[in-house]
Amino acid sequence: MLTLTKSLHAWNTEQFKLTFIEQITQLSLEELPLQQALLLGSYATRDNLQVMVNSMDEQSENILITAGIFYSSIIAGCNCSDDPTPVDLNSEYCEMLFIINKSNAETCIKIM
């Protein structure tokens, strides 16, 4: 389970957004579901990964963060030596909801 402990500890401080963005940009492709949010490419990459906090809310048990994720994808070719398809980066964008449990920092991510 993904935990965002630093973000939980920074909640209700001026450093929250910066801490949250830093933690999200350090996540691996396995932890951040970019592959499932693809619109243009066939393979998500961490190239040009940027995070923008769109909204923040607090409930009794959770912190809800909606974030815009900018990243890149590629259209993978067959990798044949005579394949003329260049590997170009596509600009991708998605919004994700991060639900941080206030008692243990366990975090659920949902693609919106």
N, C-alpha and C. Protein backbone atom coordinates (compact mmCIF):
# COMPACT_ATOMS: atom_id res chain seq x y z
N MET A 1 0.85 -1.18 0.00
CA MET A 1 0.00 0.00 0.00
C MET A 1 0.89 1.24 0.00
N LEU A 2 0.51 2.20 -0.80
CA LEU A 2 1.23 3.46 -0.90
C LEU A 2 0.95 4.31 0.34
N THR A 3 2.00 4.88 0.93
CA THR A 3 1.82 5.79 2.06
C THR A 3 2.50 7.12 1.74
N LEU A 4 1.81 8.21 2.03
CA LEU A 4 2.34 9.55 1.83
C LEU A 4 2.49 10.23 3.20
N THR A 5 3.40 9.69 3.98
CA THR A 5 3.59 10.14 5.37
C THR A 5 4.02 11.60 5.44
N LYS A 6 4.96 11.99 4.59
CA LYS A 6 5.43 13.39 4.62
C LYS A 6 4.29 14.35 4.31
N SER A 7 3.45 13.98 3.34
CA SER A 7 2.31 14.84 3.00
C SER A 7 1.32 14.93 4.15
N LEU A 8 1.07 13.81 4.80
CA LEU A 8 0.16 13.82 5.95
C LEU A 8 0.69 14.74 7.04
N HIS A 9 1.98 14.65 7.34
CA HIS A 9 2.57 15.50 8.39
C HIS A 9 2.58 16.98 8.00
N ALA A 10 2.58 17.26 6.70
CA ALA A 10 2.61 18.65 6.24
C ALA A 10 1.20 19.25 6.08
N TRP A 11 0.16 18.43 6.24
CA TRP A 11 -1.20 18.91 6.07
C TRP A 11 -1.48 20.08 7.01
N ASN A 12 -2.19 21.06 6.54
CA ASN A 12 -2.53 22.29 7.26
C ASN A 12 -1.31 23.17 7.54
N THR A 13 -0.26 23.02 6.72
CA THR A 13 0.88 23.92 6.80
C THR A 13 1.08 24.56 5.43
N GLU A 14 1.89 25.59 5.38
CA GLU A 14 2.19 26.26 4.11
C GLU A 14 3.01 25.36 3.18
N GLN A 15 3.65 24.34 3.71
CA GLN A 15 4.51 23.46 2.93
C GLN A 15 3.77 22.28 2.31
N PHE A 16 2.46 22.16 2.56
CA PHE A 16 1.75 20.97 2.11
C PHE A 16 1.86 20.76 0.61
N LYS A 17 1.50 21.76 -0.19
CA LYS A 17 1.50 21.57 -1.64
C LYS A 17 2.87 21.15 -2.16
N LEU A 18 3.91 21.82 -1.69
CA LEU A 18 5.26 21.48 -2.14
C LEU A 18 5.65 20.06 -1.72
N THR A 19 5.32 19.70 -0.50
CA THR A 19 5.63 18.35 -0.01
C THR A 19 4.87 17.30 -0.80
N PHE A 20 3.59 17.53 -1.03
CA PHE A 20 2.77 16.59 -1.79
C PHE A 20 3.31 16.43 -3.21
N ILE A 21 3.59 17.53 -3.88
CA ILE A 21 4.10 17.47 -5.25
C ILE A 21 5.43 16.73 -5.29
N GLU A 22 6.30 17.00 -4.33
CA GLU A 22 7.59 16.31 -4.28
C GLU A 22 7.40 14.80 -4.12
N GLN A 23 6.51 14.40 -3.23
CA GLN A 23 6.28 12.97 -3.03
C GLN A 23 5.69 12.30 -4.27
N ILE A 24 4.76 12.95 -4.92
CA ILE A 24 4.12 12.37 -6.11
C ILE A 24 5.13 12.25 -7.25
N THR A 25 5.96 13.24 -7.46
CA THR A 25 6.92 13.19 -8.56
C THR A 25 8.01 12.14 -8.32
N GLN A 26 8.16 11.67 -7.10
CA GLN A 26 9.15 10.63 -6.81
C GLN A 26 8.58 9.21 -6.92
N LEU A 27 7.28 9.09 -7.13
CA LEU A 27 6.68 7.77 -7.24
C LEU A 27 7.09 7.09 -8.54
N SER A 28 7.15 5.78 -8.50
CA SER A 28 7.50 5.00 -9.70
C SER A 28 6.27 4.86 -10.60
N LEU A 29 6.48 4.38 -11.80
CA LEU A 29 5.36 4.13 -12.72
C LEU A 29 4.44 3.04 -12.19
N GLU A 30 4.96 2.14 -11.37
CA GLU A 30 4.13 1.11 -10.78
C GLU A 30 3.21 1.67 -9.70
N GLU A 31 3.66 2.71 -9.00
CA GLU A 31 2.88 3.30 -7.92
C GLU A 31 1.87 4.34 -8.43
N LEU A 32 2.23 5.04 -9.48
CA LEU A 32 1.39 6.08 -10.05
C LEU A 32 0.74 5.53 -11.32
N PRO A 33 -0.58 5.42 -11.37
CA PRO A 33 -1.23 4.71 -12.49
C PRO A 33 -1.31 5.52 -13.78
N LEU A 34 -0.17 5.94 -14.29
CA LEU A 34 -0.15 6.72 -15.52
C LEU A 34 -0.51 5.88 -16.74
N GLN A 35 -0.10 4.62 -16.74
CA GLN A 35 -0.37 3.75 -17.88
C GLN A 35 -1.88 3.62 -18.11
N GLN A 36 -2.64 3.52 -17.05
CA GLN A 36 -4.08 3.35 -17.16
C GLN A 36 -4.78 4.62 -17.63
N ALA A 37 -4.13 5.77 -17.55
CA ALA A 37 -4.75 7.05 -17.92
C ALA A 37 -4.34 7.53 -19.31
N LEU A 38 -3.62 6.72 -20.06
CA LEU A 38 -3.15 7.14 -21.38
C LEU A 38 -4.29 7.49 -22.32
N LEU A 39 -4.08 8.54 -23.12
CA LEU A 39 -5.03 8.91 -24.16
C LEU A 39 -4.40 8.86 -25.55
N LEU A 40 -3.11 9.16 -25.65
CA LEU A 40 -2.46 9.28 -26.95
C LEU A 40 -1.46 8.19 -27.27
N GLY A 41 -0.69 7.78 -26.31
CA GLY A 41 0.37 6.81 -26.54
C GLY A 41 0.00 5.42 -26.10
N SER A 42 0.99 4.53 -26.21
CA SER A 42 0.76 3.16 -25.77
C SER A 42 1.62 2.78 -24.57
N TYR A 43 2.54 3.67 -24.18
CA TYR A 43 3.41 3.39 -23.04
C TYR A 43 3.71 4.69 -22.30
N ALA A 44 3.41 4.75 -21.02
CA ALA A 44 3.66 5.94 -20.21
C ALA A 44 5.13 6.02 -19.83
N THR A 45 5.65 7.23 -19.80
CA THR A 45 7.02 7.47 -19.35
C THR A 45 6.99 8.52 -18.23
N ARG A 46 8.08 8.60 -17.51
CA ARG A 46 8.21 9.62 -16.46
C ARG A 46 8.75 10.93 -17.02
N ASP A 47 9.02 10.97 -18.32
CA ASP A 47 9.54 12.19 -18.94
C ASP A 47 8.54 13.33 -18.75
N ASN A 48 9.05 14.48 -18.39
CA ASN A 48 8.24 15.70 -18.25
C ASN A 48 7.14 15.59 -17.19
N LEU A 49 7.31 14.74 -16.19
CA LEU A 49 6.30 14.56 -15.15
C LEU A 49 6.18 15.83 -14.30
N GLN A 50 4.97 16.37 -14.25
CA GLN A 50 4.68 17.54 -13.44
C GLN A 50 3.34 17.34 -12.74
N VAL A 51 3.23 17.86 -11.54
CA VAL A 51 2.02 17.70 -10.74
C VAL A 51 1.49 19.07 -10.36
N MET A 52 0.17 19.24 -10.48
CA MET A 52 -0.47 20.50 -10.11
C MET A 52 -1.64 20.15 -9.18
N VAL A 53 -1.65 20.74 -8.00
CA VAL A 53 -2.74 20.51 -7.05
C VAL A 53 -3.93 21.35 -7.49
N ASN A 54 -5.05 20.68 -7.80
CA ASN A 54 -6.26 21.37 -8.24
C ASN A 54 -7.19 21.71 -7.09
N SER A 55 -7.33 20.79 -6.13
CA SER A 55 -8.20 21.05 -4.98
C SER A 55 -7.77 20.21 -3.79
N MET A 56 -8.14 20.69 -2.61
CA MET A 56 -7.83 19.99 -1.36
C MET A 56 -9.07 20.05 -0.48
N ASP A 57 -9.35 18.94 0.19
CA ASP A 57 -10.49 18.89 1.08
C ASP A 57 -10.15 17.94 2.23
N GLU A 58 -10.83 18.13 3.33
CA GLU A 58 -10.60 17.27 4.49
C GLU A 58 -11.92 16.71 4.97
N GLN A 59 -11.94 15.42 5.23
CA GLN A 59 -13.08 14.75 5.83
C GLN A 59 -12.65 14.24 7.19
N SER A 60 -13.54 13.61 7.90
CA SER A 60 -13.20 13.16 9.25
C SER A 60 -12.04 12.17 9.26
N GLU A 61 -11.96 11.27 8.27
CA GLU A 61 -10.92 10.25 8.26
C GLU A 61 -9.88 10.42 7.15
N ASN A 62 -10.17 11.26 6.15
CA ASN A 62 -9.30 11.34 4.98
C ASN A 62 -9.02 12.77 4.55
N ILE A 63 -7.91 12.91 3.84
CA ILE A 63 -7.58 14.14 3.12
C ILE A 63 -7.76 13.80 1.65
N LEU A 64 -8.51 14.63 0.93
CA LEU A 64 -8.78 14.41 -0.49
C LEU A 64 -8.06 15.46 -1.32
N ILE A 65 -7.18 15.00 -2.20
CA ILE A 65 -6.42 15.89 -3.06
C ILE A 65 -6.71 15.54 -4.51
N THR A 66 -7.19 16.49 -5.28
CA THR A 66 -7.34 16.31 -6.71
C THR A 66 -6.14 16.98 -7.37
N ALA A 67 -5.43 16.21 -8.20
CA ALA A 67 -4.22 16.73 -8.84
C ALA A 67 -4.25 16.48 -10.34
N GLY A 68 -3.75 17.46 -11.07
CA GLY A 68 -3.54 17.31 -12.50
C GLY A 68 -2.13 16.78 -12.72
N ILE A 69 -2.00 15.75 -13.52
CA ILE A 69 -0.70 15.13 -13.78
C ILE A 69 -0.37 15.32 -15.26
N PHE A 70 0.73 16.00 -15.51
CA PHE A 70 1.26 16.16 -16.87
C PHE A 70 2.42 15.18 -17.01
N TYR A 71 2.43 14.43 -18.09
CA TYR A 71 3.50 13.46 -18.32
C TYR A 71 3.58 13.16 -19.81
N SER A 72 4.42 12.23 -20.18
CA SER A 72 4.60 11.89 -21.59
C SER A 72 4.35 10.42 -21.83
N SER A 73 4.08 10.12 -23.09
CA SER A 73 3.93 8.73 -23.51
C SER A 73 4.62 8.56 -24.85
N ILE A 74 4.82 7.31 -25.21
CA ILE A 74 5.34 7.00 -26.53
C ILE A 74 4.42 5.99 -27.19
N ILE A 75 4.49 5.93 -28.51
CA ILE A 75 3.81 4.88 -29.27
C ILE A 75 4.91 3.90 -29.64
N ALA A 76 4.89 2.75 -29.00
CA ALA A 76 5.96 1.78 -29.20
C ALA A 76 5.80 1.08 -30.54
N GLY A 77 6.89 1.07 -31.33
CA GLY A 77 6.91 0.36 -32.60
C GLY A 77 7.34 -1.07 -32.41
N CYS A 78 7.68 -1.72 -33.48
CA CYS A 78 8.06 -3.12 -33.38
C CYS A 78 9.54 -3.30 -33.06
N ASN A 79 10.31 -2.20 -33.05
CA ASN A 79 11.74 -2.24 -32.76
C ASN A 79 12.53 -3.03 -33.79
N CYS A 80 11.98 -3.20 -34.98
CA CYS A 80 12.72 -3.86 -36.05
C CYS A 80 13.78 -2.89 -36.56
N SER A 81 14.85 -3.40 -37.06
CA SER A 81 15.93 -2.53 -37.52
C SER A 81 15.52 -1.66 -38.69
N ASP A 82 14.51 -2.08 -39.46
CA ASP A 82 14.07 -1.28 -40.59
C ASP A 82 12.75 -0.54 -40.32
N ASP A 83 12.33 -0.49 -39.05
CA ASP A 83 11.09 0.22 -38.69
C ASP A 83 11.34 1.72 -38.78
N PRO A 84 10.67 2.43 -39.70
CA PRO A 84 10.91 3.87 -39.86
C PRO A 84 10.20 4.74 -38.83
N THR A 85 9.41 4.13 -37.93
CA THR A 85 8.64 4.90 -36.98
C THR A 85 9.56 5.53 -35.93
N PRO A 86 9.61 6.87 -35.89
CA PRO A 86 10.44 7.51 -34.85
C PRO A 86 9.75 7.40 -33.49
N VAL A 87 10.53 7.40 -32.45
CA VAL A 87 9.98 7.37 -31.10
C VAL A 87 9.81 8.81 -30.64
N ASP A 88 8.59 9.30 -30.74
CA ASP A 88 8.27 10.66 -30.33
C ASP A 88 7.50 10.64 -29.01
N LEU A 89 7.74 11.67 -28.21
CA LEU A 89 7.00 11.81 -26.97
C LEU A 89 5.68 12.50 -27.23
N ASN A 90 4.62 11.99 -26.64
CA ASN A 90 3.30 12.62 -26.68
C ASN A 90 3.04 13.26 -25.33
N SER A 91 2.42 14.41 -25.34
CA SER A 91 2.04 15.07 -24.09
C SER A 91 0.74 14.47 -23.59
N GLU A 92 0.73 14.05 -22.35
CA GLU A 92 -0.46 13.43 -21.74
C GLU A 92 -0.87 14.26 -20.52
N TYR A 93 -2.15 14.19 -20.17
CA TYR A 93 -2.67 14.85 -18.98
C TYR A 93 -3.80 14.00 -18.41
N CYS A 94 -3.85 13.90 -17.10
CA CYS A 94 -4.98 13.26 -16.44
C CYS A 94 -5.16 13.90 -15.07
N GLU A 95 -6.31 13.66 -14.50
CA GLU A 95 -6.57 14.11 -13.14
C GLU A 95 -6.74 12.88 -12.27
N MET A 96 -6.16 12.96 -11.08
CA MET A 96 -6.23 11.85 -10.14
C MET A 96 -6.69 12.36 -8.78
N LEU A 97 -7.42 11.51 -8.10
CA LEU A 97 -7.86 11.79 -6.74
C LEU A 97 -6.99 10.97 -5.80
N PHE A 98 -6.33 11.65 -4.87
CA PHE A 98 -5.50 11.01 -3.86
C PHE A 98 -6.26 11.07 -2.54
N ILE A 99 -6.54 9.91 -1.97
CA ILE A 99 -7.26 9.82 -0.70
C ILE A 99 -6.26 9.35 0.35
N ILE A 100 -5.87 10.28 1.22
CA ILE A 100 -4.86 10.00 2.25
C ILE A 100 -5.57 9.76 3.58
N ASN A 101 -5.38 8.59 4.14
CA ASN A 101 -5.95 8.26 5.43
C ASN A 101 -5.21 9.05 6.51
N LYS A 102 -5.95 9.79 7.32
CA LYS A 102 -5.31 10.66 8.32
C LYS A 102 -4.70 9.91 9.49
N SER A 103 -5.05 8.65 9.70
CA SER A 103 -4.50 7.92 10.84
C SER A 103 -3.19 7.21 10.50
N ASN A 104 -2.99 6.79 9.23
CA ASN A 104 -1.79 6.03 8.91
C ASN A 104 -1.11 6.41 7.59
N ALA A 105 -1.61 7.42 6.90
CA ALA A 105 -1.05 7.95 5.65
C ALA A 105 -1.20 6.99 4.45
N GLU A 106 -1.94 5.88 4.63
CA GLU A 106 -2.18 5.01 3.48
C GLU A 106 -2.98 5.78 2.45
N THR A 107 -2.57 5.65 1.20
CA THR A 107 -3.13 6.48 0.14
C THR A 107 -3.68 5.64 -0.99
N CYS A 108 -4.89 5.97 -1.38
CA CYS A 108 -5.54 5.35 -2.54
C CYS A 108 -5.54 6.37 -3.67
N ILE A 109 -5.24 5.94 -4.88
CA ILE A 109 -5.24 6.83 -6.04
C ILE A 109 -6.31 6.37 -7.01
N LYS A 110 -7.15 7.31 -7.43
CA LYS A 110 -8.21 7.01 -8.40
C LYS A 110 -8.06 7.95 -9.59
N ILE A 111 -8.12 7.39 -10.80
CA ILE A 111 -8.11 8.21 -12.00
C ILE A 111 -9.50 8.78 -12.17
N MET A 112 -9.58 10.07 -12.42
CA MET A 112 -10.89 10.72 -12.56
C MET A 112 -11.27 10.81 -14.02
